[in-house]
Amino acid sequence: MLTLTEIAAAITKTETIVETAISAVGAAITAASSIVTSVKTLVTYIPSLMQTFENAYAAVGQSDNGAGKLAGVLAALEAVAAKVAADWNDTIKSIISNIIAQAKAAYNAVASIGSAAAATTA
């Protein structure tokens, strides 16, 4: 048979476990909120940085060097993050790389539609 002291100890232990779990969830939400804020801030710089790198690589005859352009844009965004006090870590770098990849895929899809239409009318 359980004593009141044992029941009270179990309740206290459970309360501590629940409080720890709630704190962990709160920390995760805060971290996610910080990531979202930083990504939103940095995404605004992507178009102008991408155009800068497109122009630079075209000028040296390497317009098809997508990996080099991506690396340059990410390095420039890291510098921007430091200037605007946005966070920069592997998670944010990965999210932004994915955004760029999706934008490029969408652009290529639209461009290929235009190419296919031009080819069929030629």
PDB file of N, CA and C in Angstrom:
ATOM      1  N   MET A   1       0.846  -1.173   0.000  1.00  0.00           N
ATOM      2  CA  MET A   1       0.000   0.000   0.000  1.00  0.00           C
ATOM      3  C   MET A   1       0.894   1.240   0.000  1.00  0.00           C
ATOM      4  N   LEU A   2       0.531   2.196  -0.820  1.00  0.00           N
ATOM      5  CA  LEU A   2       1.301   3.422  -0.923  1.00  0.00           C
ATOM      6  C   LEU A   2       0.984   4.356   0.232  1.00  0.00           C
ATOM      7  N   THR A   3       2.021   5.008   0.696  1.00  0.00           N
ATOM      8  CA  THR A   3       1.807   5.996   1.745  1.00  0.00           C
ATOM      9  C   THR A   3       1.563   7.349   1.109  1.00  0.00           C
ATOM     10  N   LEU A   4       1.068   8.287   1.872  1.00  0.00           N
ATOM     11  CA  LEU A   4       0.859   9.640   1.376  1.00  0.00           C
ATOM     12  C   LEU A   4       2.186  10.279   0.962  1.00  0.00           C
ATOM     13  N   THR A   5       3.228   9.971   1.656  1.00  0.00           N
ATOM     14  CA  THR A   5       4.549  10.513   1.324  1.00  0.00           C
ATOM     15  C   THR A   5       5.003  10.009  -0.030  1.00  0.00           C
ATOM     16  N   GLU A   6       4.801   8.733  -0.329  1.00  0.00           N
ATOM     17  CA  GLU A   6       5.174   8.159  -1.618  1.00  0.00           C
ATOM     18  C   GLU A   6       4.325   8.764  -2.744  1.00  0.00           C
ATOM     19  N   ILE A   7       3.045   8.961  -2.481  1.00  0.00           N
ATOM     20  CA  ILE A   7       2.167   9.561  -3.489  1.00  0.00           C
ATOM     21  C   ILE A   7       2.591  11.002  -3.754  1.00  0.00           C
ATOM     22  N   ALA A   8       2.890  11.749  -2.697  1.00  0.00           N
ATOM     23  CA  ALA A   8       3.327  13.134  -2.846  1.00  0.00           C
ATOM     24  C   ALA A   8       4.641  13.199  -3.631  1.00  0.00           C
ATOM     25  N   ALA A   9       5.560  12.275  -3.360  1.00  0.00           N
ATOM     26  CA  ALA A   9       6.847  12.241  -4.075  1.00  0.00           C
ATOM     27  C   ALA A   9       6.623  11.933  -5.553  1.00  0.00           C
ATOM     28  N   ALA A  10       5.701  11.017  -5.850  1.00  0.00           N
ATOM     29  CA  ALA A  10       5.415  10.667  -7.243  1.00  0.00           C
ATOM     30  C   ALA A  10       4.797  11.854  -7.977  1.00  0.00           C
ATOM     31  N   ILE A  11       3.898  12.570  -7.289  1.00  0.00           N
ATOM     32  CA  ILE A  11       3.267  13.756  -7.899  1.00  0.00           C
ATOM     33  C   ILE A  11       4.321  14.818  -8.178  1.00  0.00           C
ATOM     34  N   THR A  12       5.208  15.030  -7.235  1.00  0.00           N
ATOM     35  CA  THR A  12       6.267  16.031  -7.400  1.00  0.00           C
ATOM     36  C   THR A  12       7.182  15.652  -8.552  1.00  0.00           C
ATOM     37  N   LYS A  13       7.531  14.370  -8.623  1.00  0.00           N
ATOM     38  CA  LYS A  13       8.398  13.913  -9.710  1.00  0.00           C
ATOM     39  C   LYS A  13       7.702  14.099 -11.061  1.00  0.00           C
ATOM     40  N   THR A  14       6.428  13.752 -11.136  1.00  0.00           N
ATOM     41  CA  THR A  14       5.664  13.910 -12.372  1.00  0.00           C
ATOM     42  C   THR A  14       5.566  15.376 -12.755  1.00  0.00           C
ATOM     43  N   GLU A  15       5.340  16.236 -11.762  1.00  0.00           N
ATOM     44  CA  GLU A  15       5.244  17.672 -12.013  1.00  0.00           C
ATOM     45  C   GLU A  15       6.555  18.193 -12.604  1.00  0.00           C
ATOM     46  N   THR A  16       7.670  17.737 -12.070  1.00  0.00           N
ATOM     47  CA  THR A  16       8.980  18.148 -12.575  1.00  0.00           C
ATOM     48  C   THR A  16       9.174  17.690 -14.020  1.00  0.00           C
ATOM     49  N   ILE A  17       8.775  16.465 -14.311  1.00  0.00           N
ATOM     50  CA  ILE A  17       8.902  15.929 -15.670  1.00  0.00           C
ATOM     51  C   ILE A  17       8.043  16.757 -16.634  1.00  0.00           C
ATOM     52  N   VAL A  18       6.818  17.067 -16.231  1.00  0.00           N
ATOM     53  CA  VAL A  18       5.922  17.856 -17.081  1.00  0.00           C
ATOM     54  C   VAL A  18       6.485  19.263 -17.282  1.00  0.00           C
ATOM     55  N   GLU A  19       6.975  19.884 -16.217  1.00  0.00           N
ATOM     56  CA  GLU A  19       7.549  21.224 -16.328  1.00  0.00           C
ATOM     57  C   GLU A  19       8.761  21.219 -17.260  1.00  0.00           C
ATOM     58  N   THR A  20       9.579  20.202 -17.170  1.00  0.00           N
ATOM     59  CA  THR A  20      10.746  20.087 -18.051  1.00  0.00           C
ATOM     60  C   THR A  20      10.306  19.948 -19.505  1.00  0.00           C
ATOM     61  N   ALA A  21       9.296  19.132 -19.737  1.00  0.00           N
ATOM     62  CA  ALA A  21       8.793  18.943 -21.097  1.00  0.00           C
ATOM     63  C   ALA A  21       8.208  20.242 -21.639  1.00  0.00           C
ATOM     64  N   ILE A  22       7.463  20.966 -20.808  1.00  0.00           N
ATOM     65  CA  ILE A  22       6.880  22.244 -21.236  1.00  0.00           C
ATOM     66  C   ILE A  22       7.985  23.242 -21.552  1.00  0.00           C
ATOM     67  N   SER A  23       9.012  23.287 -20.737  1.00  0.00           N
ATOM     68  CA  SER A  23      10.138  24.188 -20.985  1.00  0.00           C
ATOM     69  C   SER A  23      10.831  23.848 -22.301  1.00  0.00           C
ATOM     70  N   ALA A  24      10.973  22.565 -22.572  1.00  0.00           N
ATOM     71  CA  ALA A  24      11.612  22.136 -23.829  1.00  0.00           C
ATOM     72  C   ALA A  24      10.767  22.555 -25.026  1.00  0.00           C
ATOM     73  N   VAL A  25       9.457  22.410 -24.928  1.00  0.00           N
ATOM     74  CA  VAL A  25       8.567  22.831 -26.014  1.00  0.00           C
ATOM     75  C   VAL A  25       8.658  24.338 -26.202  1.00  0.00           C
ATOM     76  N   GLY A  26       8.675  25.071 -25.092  1.00  0.00           N
ATOM     77  CA  GLY A  26       8.799  26.528 -25.164  1.00  0.00           C
ATOM     78  C   GLY A  26      10.100  26.950 -25.829  1.00  0.00           C
ATOM     79  N   ALA A  27      11.186  26.278 -25.484  1.00  0.00           N
ATOM     80  CA  ALA A  27      12.481  26.588 -26.097  1.00  0.00           C
ATOM     81  C   ALA A  27      12.470  26.271 -27.588  1.00  0.00           C
ATOM     82  N   ALA A  28      11.837  25.163 -27.955  1.00  0.00           N
ATOM     83  CA  ALA A  28      11.765  24.790 -29.370  1.00  0.00           C
ATOM     84  C   ALA A  28      10.946  25.811 -30.153  1.00  0.00           C
ATOM     85  N   ILE A  29       9.856  26.284 -29.566  1.00  0.00           N
ATOM     86  CA  ILE A  29       9.021  27.292 -30.238  1.00  0.00           C
ATOM     87  C   ILE A  29       9.802  28.596 -30.403  1.00  0.00           C
ATOM     88  N   THR A  30      10.524  28.984 -29.374  1.00  0.00           N
ATOM     89  CA  THR A  30      11.330  30.199 -29.455  1.00  0.00           C
ATOM     90  C   THR A  30      12.396  30.061 -30.527  1.00  0.00           C
ATOM     91  N   ALA A  31      13.057  28.911 -30.581  1.00  0.00           N
ATOM     92  CA  ALA A  31      14.093  28.680 -31.600  1.00  0.00           C
ATOM     93  C   ALA A  31      13.480  28.706 -32.995  1.00  0.00           C
ATOM     94  N   ALA A  32      12.331  28.074 -33.164  1.00  0.00           N
ATOM     95  CA  ALA A  32      11.677  28.058 -34.472  1.00  0.00           C
ATOM     96  C   ALA A  32      11.259  29.459 -34.881  1.00  0.00           C
ATOM     97  N   SER A  33      10.774  30.228 -33.937  1.00  0.00           N
ATOM     98  CA  SER A  33      10.366  31.603 -34.219  1.00  0.00           C
ATOM     99  C   SER A  33      11.565  32.434 -34.653  1.00  0.00           C
ATOM    100  N   SER A  34      12.692  32.224 -33.997  1.00  0.00           N
ATOM    101  CA  SER A  34      13.918  32.939 -34.358  1.00  0.00           C
ATOM    102  C   SER A  34      14.375  32.566 -35.759  1.00  0.00           C
ATOM    103  N   ILE A  35      14.280  31.285 -36.095  1.00  0.00           N
ATOM    104  CA  ILE A  35      14.667  30.823 -37.437  1.00  0.00           C
ATOM    105  C   ILE A  35      13.761  31.451 -38.494  1.00  0.00           C
ATOM    106  N   VAL A  36      12.457  31.450 -38.238  1.00  0.00           N
ATOM    107  CA  VAL A  36      11.510  32.025 -39.197  1.00  0.00           C
ATOM    108  C   VAL A  36      11.808  33.508 -39.408  1.00  0.00           C
ATOM    109  N   THR A  37      12.041  34.222 -38.327  1.00  0.00           N
ATOM    110  CA  THR A  37      12.338  35.652 -38.423  1.00  0.00           C
ATOM    111  C   THR A  37      13.600  35.893 -39.231  1.00  0.00           C
ATOM    112  N   SER A  38      14.652  35.134 -38.963  1.00  0.00           N
ATOM    113  CA  SER A  38      15.911  35.310 -39.684  1.00  0.00           C
ATOM    114  C   SER A  38      15.763  34.960 -41.158  1.00  0.00           C
ATOM    115  N   VAL A  39      15.064  33.866 -41.452  1.00  0.00           N
ATOM    116  CA  VAL A  39      14.873  33.475 -42.851  1.00  0.00           C
ATOM    117  C   VAL A  39      14.078  34.543 -43.590  1.00  0.00           C
ATOM    118  N   LYS A  40      13.003  35.047 -42.973  1.00  0.00           N
ATOM    119  CA  LYS A  40      12.200  36.092 -43.618  1.00  0.00           C
ATOM    120  C   LYS A  40      13.052  37.326 -43.899  1.00  0.00           C
ATOM    121  N   THR A  41      13.904  37.688 -42.971  1.00  0.00           N
ATOM    122  CA  THR A  41      14.781  38.849 -43.155  1.00  0.00           C
ATOM    123  C   THR A  41      15.747  38.623 -44.301  1.00  0.00           C
ATOM    124  N   LEU A  42      16.387  37.462 -44.331  1.00  0.00           N
ATOM    125  CA  LEU A  42      17.425  37.189 -45.320  1.00  0.00           C
ATOM    126  C   LEU A  42      16.873  36.936 -46.719  1.00  0.00           C
ATOM    127  N   VAL A  43      15.675  36.378 -46.809  1.00  0.00           N
ATOM    128  CA  VAL A  43      15.091  36.066 -48.116  1.00  0.00           C
ATOM    129  C   VAL A  43      14.933  37.332 -48.960  1.00  0.00           C
ATOM    130  N   THR A  44      14.706  38.457 -48.309  1.00  0.00           N
ATOM    131  CA  THR A  44      14.535  39.700 -49.070  1.00  0.00           C
ATOM    132  C   THR A  44      15.792  40.084 -49.839  1.00  0.00           C
ATOM    133  N   TYR A  45      16.946  39.601 -49.414  1.00  0.00           N
ATOM    134  CA  TYR A  45      18.211  39.927 -50.077  1.00  0.00           C
ATOM    135  C   TYR A  45      18.549  38.978 -51.220  1.00  0.00           C
ATOM    136  N   ILE A  46      17.875  37.838 -51.296  1.00  0.00           N
ATOM    137  CA  ILE A  46      18.242  36.806 -52.271  1.00  0.00           C
ATOM    138  C   ILE A  46      18.177  37.280 -53.724  1.00  0.00           C
ATOM    139  N   PRO A  47      17.090  37.915 -54.173  1.00  0.00           N
ATOM    140  CA  PRO A  47      17.025  38.270 -55.596  1.00  0.00           C
ATOM    141  C   PRO A  47      18.178  39.157 -56.069  1.00  0.00           C
ATOM    142  N   SER A  48      18.503  40.195 -55.300  1.00  0.00           N
ATOM    143  CA  SER A  48      19.584  41.084 -55.748  1.00  0.00           C
ATOM    144  C   SER A  48      20.933  40.381 -55.686  1.00  0.00           C
ATOM    145  N   LEU A  49      21.142  39.544 -54.680  1.00  0.00           N
ATOM    146  CA  LEU A  49      22.408  38.803 -54.604  1.00  0.00           C
ATOM    147  C   LEU A  49      22.517  37.807 -55.750  1.00  0.00           C
ATOM    148  N   MET A  50      21.420  37.118 -56.054  1.00  0.00           N
ATOM    149  CA  MET A  50      21.465  36.154 -57.155  1.00  0.00           C
ATOM    150  C   MET A  50      21.760  36.856 -58.470  1.00  0.00           C
ATOM    151  N   GLN A  51      21.143  38.016 -58.690  1.00  0.00           N
ATOM    152  CA  GLN A  51      21.399  38.746 -59.933  1.00  0.00           C
ATOM    153  C   GLN A  51      22.854  39.188 -60.016  1.00  0.00           C
ATOM    154  N   THR A  52      23.402  39.622 -58.881  1.00  0.00           N
ATOM    155  CA  THR A  52      24.806  40.029 -58.846  1.00  0.00           C
ATOM    156  C   THR A  52      25.711  38.875 -59.246  1.00  0.00           C
ATOM    157  N   PHE A  53      25.440  37.689 -58.697  1.00  0.00           N
ATOM    158  CA  PHE A  53      26.275  36.535 -59.027  1.00  0.00           C
ATOM    159  C   PHE A  53      26.031  36.044 -60.446  1.00  0.00           C
ATOM    160  N   GLU A  54      24.782  36.114 -60.913  1.00  0.00           N
ATOM    161  CA  GLU A  54      24.498  35.758 -62.318  1.00  0.00           C
ATOM    162  C   GLU A  54      25.346  36.641 -63.242  1.00  0.00           C
ATOM    163  N   ASN A  55      25.329  37.954 -62.979  1.00  0.00           N
ATOM    164  CA  ASN A  55      26.076  38.895 -63.813  1.00  0.00           C
ATOM    165  C   ASN A  55      27.579  38.634 -63.738  1.00  0.00           C
ATOM    166  N   ALA A  56      28.077  38.391 -62.537  1.00  0.00           N
ATOM    167  CA  ALA A  56      29.516  38.161 -62.355  1.00  0.00           C
ATOM    168  C   ALA A  56      29.967  36.900 -63.087  1.00  0.00           C
ATOM    169  N   TYR A  57      29.211  35.821 -62.966  1.00  0.00           N
ATOM    170  CA  TYR A  57      29.600  34.577 -63.637  1.00  0.00           C
ATOM    171  C   TYR A  57      29.432  34.676 -65.145  1.00  0.00           C
ATOM    172  N   ALA A  58      28.419  35.413 -65.590  1.00  0.00           N
ATOM    173  CA  ALA A  58      28.258  35.607 -67.035  1.00  0.00           C
ATOM    174  C   ALA A  58      29.442  36.403 -67.594  1.00  0.00           C
ATOM    175  N   ALA A  59      29.926  37.370 -66.817  1.00  0.00           N
ATOM    176  CA  ALA A  59      31.031  38.220 -67.265  1.00  0.00           C
ATOM    177  C   ALA A  59      32.321  37.422 -67.453  1.00  0.00           C
ATOM    178  N   VAL A  60      32.493  36.352 -66.691  1.00  0.00           N
ATOM    179  CA  VAL A  60      33.708  35.541 -66.831  1.00  0.00           C
ATOM    180  C   VAL A  60      33.449  34.268 -67.621  1.00  0.00           C
ATOM    181  N   GLY A  61      32.288  34.217 -68.290  1.00  0.00           N
ATOM    182  CA  GLY A  61      32.003  33.086 -69.175  1.00  0.00           C
ATOM    183  C   GLY A  61      31.669  31.794 -68.471  1.00  0.00           C
ATOM    184  N   GLN A  62      31.140  31.860 -67.252  1.00  0.00           N
ATOM    185  CA  GLN A  62      30.763  30.644 -66.514  1.00  0.00           C
ATOM    186  C   GLN A  62      29.292  30.684 -66.119  1.00  0.00           C
ATOM    187  N   SER A  63      28.440  31.054 -67.043  1.00  0.00           N
ATOM    188  CA  SER A  63      27.025  31.226 -66.714  1.00  0.00           C
ATOM    189  C   SER A  63      26.342  29.936 -66.263  1.00  0.00           C
ATOM    190  N   ASP A  64      26.945  28.768 -66.581  1.00  0.00           N
ATOM    191  CA  ASP A  64      26.332  27.502 -66.169  1.00  0.00           C
ATOM    192  C   ASP A  64      26.900  26.973 -64.852  1.00  0.00           C
ATOM    193  N   ASN A  65      27.675  27.768 -64.133  1.00  0.00           N
ATOM    194  CA  ASN A  65      28.266  27.321 -62.870  1.00  0.00           C
ATOM    195  C   ASN A  65      27.307  27.579 -61.713  1.00  0.00           C
ATOM    196  N   GLY A  66      26.235  26.793 -61.668  1.00  0.00           N
ATOM    197  CA  GLY A  66      25.215  26.964 -60.636  1.00  0.00           C
ATOM    198  C   GLY A  66      25.732  26.765 -59.232  1.00  0.00           C
ATOM    199  N   ALA A  67      26.602  25.775 -59.029  1.00  0.00           N
ATOM    200  CA  ALA A  67      27.126  25.511 -57.685  1.00  0.00           C
ATOM    201  C   ALA A  67      27.951  26.692 -57.191  1.00  0.00           C
ATOM    202  N   GLY A  68      28.743  27.264 -58.086  1.00  0.00           N
ATOM    203  CA  GLY A  68      29.555  28.423 -57.703  1.00  0.00           C
ATOM    204  C   GLY A  68      28.692  29.616 -57.357  1.00  0.00           C
ATOM    205  N   LYS A  69      27.635  29.824 -58.146  1.00  0.00           N
ATOM    206  CA  LYS A  69      26.735  30.945 -57.878  1.00  0.00           C
ATOM    207  C   LYS A  69      26.013  30.741 -56.548  1.00  0.00           C
ATOM    208  N   LEU A  70      25.542  29.529 -56.288  1.00  0.00           N
ATOM    209  CA  LEU A  70      24.853  29.248 -55.026  1.00  0.00           C
ATOM    210  C   LEU A  70      25.793  29.481 -53.844  1.00  0.00           C
ATOM    211  N   ALA A  71      27.011  28.983 -53.952  1.00  0.00           N
ATOM    212  CA  ALA A  71      27.979  29.166 -52.862  1.00  0.00           C
ATOM    213  C   ALA A  71      28.227  30.650 -52.616  1.00  0.00           C
ATOM    214  N   GLY A  72      28.326  31.419 -53.695  1.00  0.00           N
ATOM    215  CA  GLY A  72      28.540  32.851 -53.551  1.00  0.00           C
ATOM    216  C   GLY A  72      27.364  33.546 -52.888  1.00  0.00           C
ATOM    217  N   VAL A  73      26.157  33.189 -53.306  1.00  0.00           N
ATOM    218  CA  VAL A  73      24.962  33.794 -52.719  1.00  0.00           C
ATOM    219  C   VAL A  73      24.880  33.450 -51.228  1.00  0.00           C
ATOM    220  N   LEU A  74      25.148  32.198 -50.878  1.00  0.00           N
ATOM    221  CA  LEU A  74      25.080  31.799 -49.469  1.00  0.00           C
ATOM    222  C   LEU A  74      26.142  32.508 -48.639  1.00  0.00           C
ATOM    223  N   ALA A  75      27.345  32.664 -49.183  1.00  0.00           N
ATOM    224  CA  ALA A  75      28.402  33.376 -48.462  1.00  0.00           C
ATOM    225  C   ALA A  75      28.019  34.847 -48.278  1.00  0.00           C
ATOM    226  N   ALA A  76      27.446  35.439 -49.325  1.00  0.00           N
ATOM    227  CA  ALA A  76      27.021  36.837 -49.222  1.00  0.00           C
ATOM    228  C   ALA A  76      25.881  36.975 -48.207  1.00  0.00           C
ATOM    229  N   LEU A  77      24.957  36.023 -48.198  1.00  0.00           N
ATOM    230  CA  LEU A  77      23.863  36.069 -47.223  1.00  0.00           C
ATOM    231  C   LEU A  77      24.378  35.923 -45.797  1.00  0.00           C
ATOM    232  N   GLU A  78      25.412  35.119 -45.628  1.00  0.00           N
ATOM    233  CA  GLU A  78      26.000  34.978 -44.292  1.00  0.00           C
ATOM    234  C   GLU A  78      26.552  36.321 -43.823  1.00  0.00           C
ATOM    235  N   ALA A  79      27.198  37.044 -44.728  1.00  0.00           N
ATOM    236  CA  ALA A  79      27.722  38.372 -44.386  1.00  0.00           C
ATOM    237  C   ALA A  79      26.573  39.342 -44.089  1.00  0.00           C
ATOM    238  N   VAL A  80      25.503  39.259 -44.880  1.00  0.00           N
ATOM    239  CA  VAL A  80      24.337  40.115 -44.640  1.00  0.00           C
ATOM    240  C   VAL A  80      23.734  39.791 -43.275  1.00  0.00           C
ATOM    241  N   ALA A  81      23.635  38.513 -42.951  1.00  0.00           N
ATOM    242  CA  ALA A  81      23.070  38.099 -41.662  1.00  0.00           C
ATOM    243  C   ALA A  81      23.825  38.747 -40.513  1.00  0.00           C
ATOM    244  N   ALA A  82      25.139  38.771 -40.614  1.00  0.00           N
ATOM    245  CA  ALA A  82      25.945  39.389 -39.558  1.00  0.00           C
ATOM    246  C   ALA A  82      25.657  40.883 -39.469  1.00  0.00           C
ATOM    247  N   LYS A  83      25.471  41.530 -40.616  1.00  0.00           N
ATOM    248  CA  LYS A  83      25.223  42.981 -40.622  1.00  0.00           C
ATOM    249  C   LYS A  83      23.845  43.339 -40.082  1.00  0.00           C
ATOM    250  N   VAL A  84      22.844  42.530 -40.353  1.00  0.00           N
ATOM    251  CA  VAL A  84      21.480  42.863 -39.933  1.00  0.00           C
ATOM    252  C   VAL A  84      21.073  42.118 -38.655  1.00  0.00           C
ATOM    253  N   ALA A  85      22.030  41.489 -38.018  1.00  0.00           N
ATOM    254  CA  ALA A  85      21.817  40.770 -36.757  1.00  0.00           C
ATOM    255  C   ALA A  85      20.796  39.638 -36.879  1.00  0.00           C
ATOM    256  N   ALA A  86      20.761  39.012 -38.050  1.00  0.00           N
ATOM    257  CA  ALA A  86      19.931  37.812 -38.221  1.00  0.00           C
ATOM    258  C   ALA A  86      20.790  36.600 -37.877  1.00  0.00           C
ATOM    259  N   ASP A  87      20.147  35.551 -37.442  1.00  0.00           N
ATOM    260  CA  ASP A  87      20.880  34.333 -37.122  1.00  0.00           C
ATOM    261  C   ASP A  87      21.346  33.677 -38.416  1.00  0.00           C
ATOM    262  N   TRP A  88      22.479  33.002 -38.389  1.00  0.00           N
ATOM    263  CA  TRP A  88      22.953  32.220 -39.533  1.00  0.00           C
ATOM    264  C   TRP A  88      23.503  30.921 -38.988  1.00  0.00           C
ATOM    265  N   ASN A  89      22.857  29.826 -39.343  1.00  0.00           N
ATOM    266  CA  ASN A  89      23.332  28.509 -38.918  1.00  0.00           C
ATOM    267  C   ASN A  89      23.009  27.508 -40.019  1.00  0.00           C
ATOM    268  N   ASP A  90      23.366  26.258 -39.810  1.00  0.00           N
ATOM    269  CA  ASP A  90      23.160  25.245 -40.849  1.00  0.00           C
ATOM    270  C   ASP A  90      21.690  25.058 -41.203  1.00  0.00           C
ATOM    271  N   THR A  91      20.798  25.196 -40.218  1.00  0.00           N
ATOM    272  CA  THR A  91      19.372  25.049 -40.492  1.00  0.00           C
ATOM    273  C   THR A  91      18.900  26.153 -41.433  1.00  0.00           C
ATOM    274  N   ILE A  92      19.267  27.383 -41.126  1.00  0.00           N
ATOM    275  CA  ILE A  92      18.849  28.509 -41.967  1.00  0.00           C
ATOM    276  C   ILE A  92      19.494  28.400 -43.348  1.00  0.00           C
ATOM    277  N   LYS A  93      20.753  28.019 -43.395  1.00  0.00           N
ATOM    278  CA  LYS A  93      21.443  27.841 -44.679  1.00  0.00           C
ATOM    279  C   LYS A  93      20.719  26.789 -45.521  1.00  0.00           C
ATOM    280  N   SER A  94      20.305  25.713 -44.901  1.00  0.00           N
ATOM    281  CA  SER A  94      19.599  24.650 -45.609  1.00  0.00           C
ATOM    282  C   SER A  94      18.234  25.122 -46.110  1.00  0.00           C
ATOM    283  N   ILE A  95      17.512  25.858 -45.266  1.00  0.00           N
ATOM    284  CA  ILE A  95      16.193  26.372 -45.667  1.00  0.00           C
ATOM    285  C   ILE A  95      16.344  27.301 -46.858  1.00  0.00           C
ATOM    286  N   ILE A  96      17.322  28.205 -46.797  1.00  0.00           N
ATOM    287  CA  ILE A  96      17.512  29.166 -47.885  1.00  0.00           C
ATOM    288  C   ILE A  96      17.992  28.459 -49.154  1.00  0.00           C
ATOM    289  N   SER A  97      18.866  27.477 -49.016  1.00  0.00           N
ATOM    290  CA  SER A  97      19.300  26.705 -50.186  1.00  0.00           C
ATOM    291  C   SER A  97      18.105  26.039 -50.857  1.00  0.00           C
ATOM    292  N   ASN A  98      17.194  25.513 -50.037  1.00  0.00           N
ATOM    293  CA  ASN A  98      15.991  24.872 -50.568  1.00  0.00           C
ATOM    294  C   ASN A  98      15.085  25.893 -51.257  1.00  0.00           C
ATOM    295  N   ILE A  99      14.951  27.076 -50.682  1.00  0.00           N
ATOM    296  CA  ILE A  99      14.143  28.134 -51.308  1.00  0.00           C
ATOM    297  C   ILE A  99      14.725  28.482 -52.676  1.00  0.00           C
ATOM    298  N   ILE A 100      16.047  28.634 -52.729  1.00  0.00           N
ATOM    299  CA  ILE A 100      16.701  28.955 -54.001  1.00  0.00           C
ATOM    300  C   ILE A 100      16.499  27.829 -55.006  1.00  0.00           C
ATOM    301  N   ALA A 101      16.637  26.582 -54.556  1.00  0.00           N
ATOM    302  CA  ALA A 101      16.457  25.433 -55.452  1.00  0.00           C
ATOM    303  C   ALA A 101      15.027  25.392 -56.004  1.00  0.00           C
ATOM    304  N   GLN A 102      14.034  25.668 -55.146  1.00  0.00           N
ATOM    305  CA  GLN A 102      12.645  25.668 -55.597  1.00  0.00           C
ATOM    306  C   GLN A 102      12.393  26.799 -56.584  1.00  0.00           C
ATOM    307  N   ALA A 103      12.968  27.969 -56.301  1.00  0.00           N
ATOM    308  CA  ALA A 103      12.799  29.107 -57.212  1.00  0.00           C
ATOM    309  C   ALA A 103      13.434  28.801 -58.567  1.00  0.00           C
ATOM    310  N   LYS A 104      14.618  28.182 -58.533  1.00  0.00           N
ATOM    311  CA  LYS A 104      15.305  27.840 -59.784  1.00  0.00           C
ATOM    312  C   LYS A 104      14.511  26.793 -60.565  1.00  0.00           C
ATOM    313  N   ALA A 105      13.962  25.810 -59.870  1.00  0.00           N
ATOM    314  CA  ALA A 105      13.161  24.778 -60.535  1.00  0.00           C
ATOM    315  C   ALA A 105      11.924  25.399 -61.180  1.00  0.00           C
ATOM    316  N   ALA A 106      11.287  26.324 -60.473  1.00  0.00           N
ATOM    317  CA  ALA A 106      10.113  26.994 -61.032  1.00  0.00           C
ATOM    318  C   ALA A 106      10.505  27.818 -62.255  1.00  0.00           C
ATOM    319  N   TYR A 107      11.621  28.532 -62.153  1.00  0.00           N
ATOM    320  CA  TYR A 107      12.098  29.332 -63.292  1.00  0.00           C
ATOM    321  C   TYR A 107      12.394  28.430 -64.492  1.00  0.00           C
ATOM    322  N   ASN A 108      13.099  27.328 -64.244  1.00  0.00           N
ATOM    323  CA  ASN A 108      13.452  26.404 -65.334  1.00  0.00           C
ATOM    324  C   ASN A 108      12.205  25.795 -65.975  1.00  0.00           C
ATOM    325  N   ALA A 109      11.194  25.510 -65.143  1.00  0.00           N
ATOM    326  CA  ALA A 109       9.953  24.942 -65.685  1.00  0.00           C
ATOM    327  C   ALA A 109       9.273  25.948 -66.609  1.00  0.00           C
ATOM    328  N   VAL A 110       9.213  27.206 -66.171  1.00  0.00           N
ATOM    329  CA  VAL A 110       8.595  28.235 -66.996  1.00  0.00           C
ATOM    330  C   VAL A 110       9.412  28.458 -68.260  1.00  0.00           C
ATOM    331  N   ALA A 111      10.741  28.511 -68.119  1.00  0.00           N
ATOM    332  CA  ALA A 111      11.614  28.725 -69.267  1.00  0.00           C
ATOM    333  C   ALA A 111      11.487  27.592 -70.266  1.00  0.00           C
ATOM    334  N   SER A 112      11.348  26.351 -69.777  1.00  0.00           N
ATOM    335  CA  SER A 112      11.226  25.211 -70.691  1.00  0.00           C
ATOM    336  C   SER A 112       9.900  25.229 -71.435  1.00  0.00           C
ATOM    337  N   ILE A 113       8.871  25.750 -70.795  1.00  0.00           N
ATOM    338  CA  ILE A 113       7.581  25.886 -71.481  1.00  0.00           C
ATOM    339  C   ILE A 113       7.725  26.865 -72.637  1.00  0.00           C
ATOM    340  N   GLY A 114       8.407  27.985 -72.364  1.00  0.00           N
ATOM    341  CA  GLY A 114       8.645  28.976 -73.404  1.00  0.00           C
ATOM    342  C   GLY A 114       9.491  28.424 -74.530  1.00  0.00           C
ATOM    343  N   SER A 115      10.504  27.629 -74.186  1.00  0.00           N
ATOM    344  CA  SER A 115      11.376  27.015 -75.206  1.00  0.00           C
ATOM    345  C   SER A 115      10.605  26.025 -76.065  1.00  0.00           C
ATOM    346  N   ALA A 116       9.763  25.225 -75.395  1.00  0.00           N
ATOM    347  CA  ALA A 116       8.982  24.221 -76.126  1.00  0.00           C
ATOM    348  C   ALA A 116       7.989  24.895 -77.069  1.00  0.00           C
ATOM    349  N   ALA A 117       7.373  25.987 -76.604  1.00  0.00           N
ATOM    350  CA  ALA A 117       6.424  26.706 -77.449  1.00  0.00           C
ATOM    351  C   ALA A 117       7.117  27.328 -78.637  1.00  0.00           C
ATOM    352  N   ALA A 118       8.314  27.876 -78.408  1.00  0.00           N
ATOM    353  CA  ALA A 118       9.080  28.489 -79.508  1.00  0.00           C
ATOM    354  C   ALA A 118       9.518  27.422 -80.512  1.00  0.00           C
ATOM    355  N   ALA A 119       9.872  26.235 -80.029  1.00  0.00           N
ATOM    356  CA  ALA A 119      10.330  25.163 -80.900  1.00  0.00           C
ATOM    357  C   ALA A 119       9.190  24.646 -81.780  1.00  0.00           C
ATOM    358  N   THR A 120       7.991  24.598 -81.222  1.00  0.00           N
ATOM    359  CA  THR A 120       6.871  24.069 -82.008  1.00  0.00           C
ATOM    360  C   THR A 120       6.354  25.073 -83.018  1.00  0.00           C
ATOM    361  N   THR A 121       6.587  26.360 -82.767  1.00  0.00           N
ATOM    362  CA  THR A 121       6.138  27.374 -83.749  1.00  0.00           C
ATOM    363  C   THR A 121       7.200  27.685 -84.780  1.00  0.00           C
ATOM    364  N   ALA A 122       8.396  27.189 -84.574  1.00  0.00           N
ATOM    365  CA  ALA A 122       9.484  27.487 -85.524  1.00  0.00           C
ATOM    366  C   ALA A 122       9.453  26.607 -86.742  1.00  0.00           C
TER     367      ALA A 122
END
